[in-house]
Protein backbone atom coordinates (compact mmCIF):
# COMPACT_ATOMS: atom_id res chain seq x y z
CA MET A 1 162.74 -58.08 20.30
CA ARG A 2 162.74 -61.29 21.91
CA ASN A 3 161.54 -59.93 25.03
CA LYS A 4 158.73 -58.31 23.38
CA ILE A 5 157.60 -61.65 22.04
CA ALA A 6 158.11 -63.46 25.17
CA PHE A 7 155.87 -60.96 26.92
CA ARG A 8 153.05 -61.32 24.35
CA VAL A 9 153.28 -65.05 24.69
CA ALA A 10 153.20 -64.98 28.41
CA LEU A 11 150.54 -62.37 28.66
CA GLY A 12 148.37 -64.25 25.94
CA GLY A 13 148.95 -67.46 28.21
CA ILE A 14 147.87 -65.67 31.31
CA CYS A 15 144.86 -64.01 29.92
CA SER A 16 143.81 -67.38 28.03
CA ALA A 17 144.21 -69.28 31.53
CA VAL A 18 142.22 -66.87 33.48
CA CYS A 19 139.52 -66.80 30.65
CA LEU A 20 139.35 -70.61 30.69
CA LEU A 21 139.33 -70.50 34.69
CA LEU A 22 136.34 -68.17 34.34
CA MET A 23 134.62 -70.35 31.73
CA PHE A 24 135.06 -73.72 33.74
CA SER A 25 133.71 -72.05 36.91
CA SER A 26 130.40 -71.49 35.18
CA SER A 27 129.90 -75.12 35.18
CA PHE A 28 129.56 -75.13 39.10
CA LEU A 29 128.44 -71.51 39.21
CA PRO A 30 125.34 -71.93 36.94
CA MET A 31 123.68 -68.67 38.02
CA LEU A 32 126.57 -66.77 36.52
CA ASP A 33 126.01 -68.27 32.95
CA TYR A 34 125.76 -64.96 31.40
CA THR A 35 128.09 -62.82 33.53
CA ILE A 36 131.07 -65.03 33.42
CA PRO A 37 131.57 -64.73 29.72
CA THR A 38 131.23 -61.30 29.84
CA PHE A 39 134.23 -61.06 32.45
CA ALA A 40 136.16 -63.36 30.22
CA GLY A 41 135.62 -61.30 27.43
CA PHE A 42 137.02 -58.31 29.40
CA MET A 43 140.53 -60.19 29.35
CA MET A 44 140.39 -59.17 25.44
CA VAL A 45 140.54 -55.62 26.38
CA VAL A 46 143.88 -56.36 28.57
CA MET A 47 145.31 -58.17 25.37
CA ILE A 48 144.54 -55.14 22.97
CA VAL A 49 145.90 -52.43 25.27
CA GLU A 50 148.97 -54.28 26.38
CA VAL A 51 149.67 -55.95 23.03
CA ASP A 52 147.52 -55.36 20.05
CA LYS A 53 144.60 -56.68 18.20
CA ASN A 54 146.02 -59.58 16.46
CA TRP A 55 147.11 -60.99 19.64
CA ALA A 56 143.71 -60.34 21.16
CA ILE A 57 142.05 -62.09 18.42
CA ALA A 58 144.51 -65.21 18.80
CA THR A 59 143.70 -65.30 22.50
CA TYR A 60 140.01 -65.17 21.65
CA CYS A 61 140.37 -67.91 19.22
CA ALA A 62 142.29 -70.08 21.60
CA VAL A 63 139.85 -69.68 24.50
CA SER A 64 136.96 -70.16 22.31
CA LEU A 65 138.46 -73.54 21.02
CA LEU A 66 139.64 -74.71 24.41
CA SER A 67 136.20 -73.74 26.14
CA ILE A 68 134.52 -76.36 23.94
CA PHE A 69 136.74 -79.10 25.38
CA VAL A 70 137.23 -77.81 29.04
CA THR A 71 133.75 -76.17 29.88
CA PRO A 72 130.80 -78.33 30.41
CA ASN A 73 128.68 -75.54 30.37
CA TYR A 74 127.59 -75.02 26.61
CA GLU A 75 125.46 -72.07 27.25
CA ALA A 76 128.26 -69.88 28.66
CA THR A 77 130.76 -71.40 25.86
CA LEU A 78 128.54 -70.46 23.09
CA LEU A 79 127.76 -67.00 24.47
CA PHE A 80 131.57 -66.42 24.83
CA THR A 81 132.26 -67.73 21.39
CA LEU A 82 129.38 -66.04 19.57
CA PHE A 83 129.63 -62.59 21.11
CA MET A 84 131.18 -61.75 24.53
CA GLY A 85 134.64 -63.03 23.32
CA TYR A 86 135.16 -60.86 20.39
CA TYR A 87 133.07 -57.88 21.10
CA PRO A 88 135.46 -56.18 23.45
CA ILE A 89 137.84 -56.23 20.61
CA LEU A 90 135.34 -55.09 17.95
CA LYS A 91 134.17 -52.26 20.38
CA TYR A 92 137.68 -50.98 20.93
CA TYR A 93 138.04 -50.13 17.30
CA LEU A 94 134.54 -49.11 16.60
CA ASP A 95 134.41 -46.57 19.45
CA GLN A 96 137.35 -44.98 17.61
CA LYS A 97 135.19 -43.96 14.47
CA LYS A 98 133.63 -40.64 14.15
CA ASN A 99 130.19 -41.65 12.92
CA ARG A 100 128.48 -42.64 15.85
CA LEU A 101 125.21 -43.67 14.11
CA LEU A 102 126.95 -46.07 11.93
CA VAL A 103 129.16 -47.48 14.87
CA TRP A 104 125.91 -48.11 16.97
CA ALA A 105 124.33 -49.69 13.78
CA ILE A 106 127.13 -52.05 13.31
CA LYS A 107 127.14 -52.97 17.15
CA LEU A 108 123.52 -53.58 17.45
CA ALA A 109 123.50 -55.51 14.11
CA VAL A 110 126.39 -57.77 15.46
CA PHE A 111 124.90 -58.40 18.73
CA ASN A 112 121.48 -59.32 17.38
CA VAL A 113 122.94 -61.70 14.72
CA ALA A 114 124.75 -63.45 17.72
CA ILE A 115 121.73 -63.52 19.84
CA VAL A 116 119.47 -65.00 17.11
CA ILE A 117 122.15 -67.69 16.45
CA PHE A 118 122.56 -68.25 20.24
CA PHE A 119 118.79 -68.53 20.65
CA LEU A 120 118.57 -70.85 17.51
CA ALA A 121 121.21 -73.12 18.53
CA PHE A 122 119.46 -73.70 21.94
CA GLN A 123 116.18 -74.26 20.37
CA TYR A 124 117.27 -76.66 17.67
CA ILE A 125 120.74 -78.27 18.90
CA PHE A 126 120.85 -78.06 22.59
CA THR A 127 117.27 -78.90 23.18
CA SER A 128 117.68 -79.71 26.84
CA VAL A 129 117.92 -76.16 27.70
CA ASP A 130 114.49 -74.07 27.31
CA MET A 131 115.47 -70.41 26.67
CA LEU A 132 112.04 -69.40 27.24
CA GLU A 133 111.62 -71.05 30.63
CA GLY A 134 109.90 -68.68 33.18
CA MET A 135 108.45 -66.64 30.30
CA GLU A 136 105.03 -68.33 30.07
CA MET A 137 103.35 -65.32 31.50
CA PHE A 138 104.27 -63.40 28.18
CA GLY A 139 102.46 -65.91 26.12
CA LYS A 140 103.04 -65.57 22.41
CA TYR A 141 105.11 -62.36 23.04
CA ALA A 142 107.96 -64.21 25.10
CA VAL A 143 110.49 -64.19 22.33
CA LEU A 144 109.78 -60.50 21.67
CA VAL A 145 110.14 -59.67 25.50
CA LEU A 146 113.25 -61.95 25.57
CA TRP A 147 114.63 -60.20 22.78
CA LEU A 148 113.97 -56.54 24.09
CA ALA A 149 115.43 -57.65 27.40
CA ALA A 150 118.42 -58.72 25.56
CA ASN A 151 119.08 -55.48 23.75
CA LEU A 152 118.66 -53.45 26.99
CA PHE A 153 121.32 -55.77 28.41
CA PHE A 154 123.54 -54.92 25.41
CA PHE A 155 123.43 -51.14 25.95
CA ILE A 156 124.19 -51.60 29.71
CA TYR A 157 127.11 -54.19 28.73
CA ASP A 158 128.39 -51.87 26.23
CA TYR A 159 128.47 -48.95 28.90
CA ALA A 160 130.16 -51.18 31.55
CA LEU A 161 132.64 -52.37 29.09
CA THR A 162 133.34 -48.69 28.28
CA GLN A 163 133.72 -47.79 32.09
CA LEU A 164 135.91 -50.88 32.81
CA THR A 165 138.19 -50.10 29.69
CA ASP A 166 138.58 -46.58 30.90
CA MET A 167 139.32 -47.68 34.38
CA TYR A 168 141.93 -50.13 33.26
CA ILE A 169 143.63 -47.73 31.07
CA ASN A 170 143.48 -44.76 33.03
CA TRP A 171 143.74 -46.14 36.56
CA PHE A 172 145.00 -49.64 36.87
CA ARG A 173 147.92 -49.13 34.25
CA LYS A 174 148.90 -45.83 35.80
CA LYS A 175 148.47 -46.62 39.48
CA ILE A 176 149.20 -50.45 39.76
CA LEU A 177 151.19 -51.31 36.71
CA ARG A 178 153.00 -47.89 36.58
CA ARG A 179 152.73 -47.91 32.99
CA LYS A 180 151.57 -45.03 30.64
């Protein structure tokens, strides 16, 4: 029992450290503001598969809290905290449900609520960042175009996360870690 807990704590620490390193790197790689939180969020899949959802949630909470203090890039931190950090955990369990229509409705609702909060936070709290910069050519439809593009990204992200999870479980764990 003691070795099991030691493994869980160690893996949680390693995953947290990798996530924090990724999140911190968003400060000197600003072109990856949206990409880095997605990679950091994938570490939650590792926690779910190797340990369980409770440890993944604890890791997500720790990284979200520490990112606020360690990461100077609030855009990446907020994106991780509002969606990218917990979505892999949510997805892992939603994908096991049989009602695909309900699952996709929940996924889209969660994503769109997170995106609206993200957008409003940068419109009213972090006013130094203009979320609509470069969207002037769309005029009054800029917000709609941005929202549609975000939803398209969500479908691509969900598919990529499915493929990465499958590759981690069926290839990396078997070939590299030699675990079943």
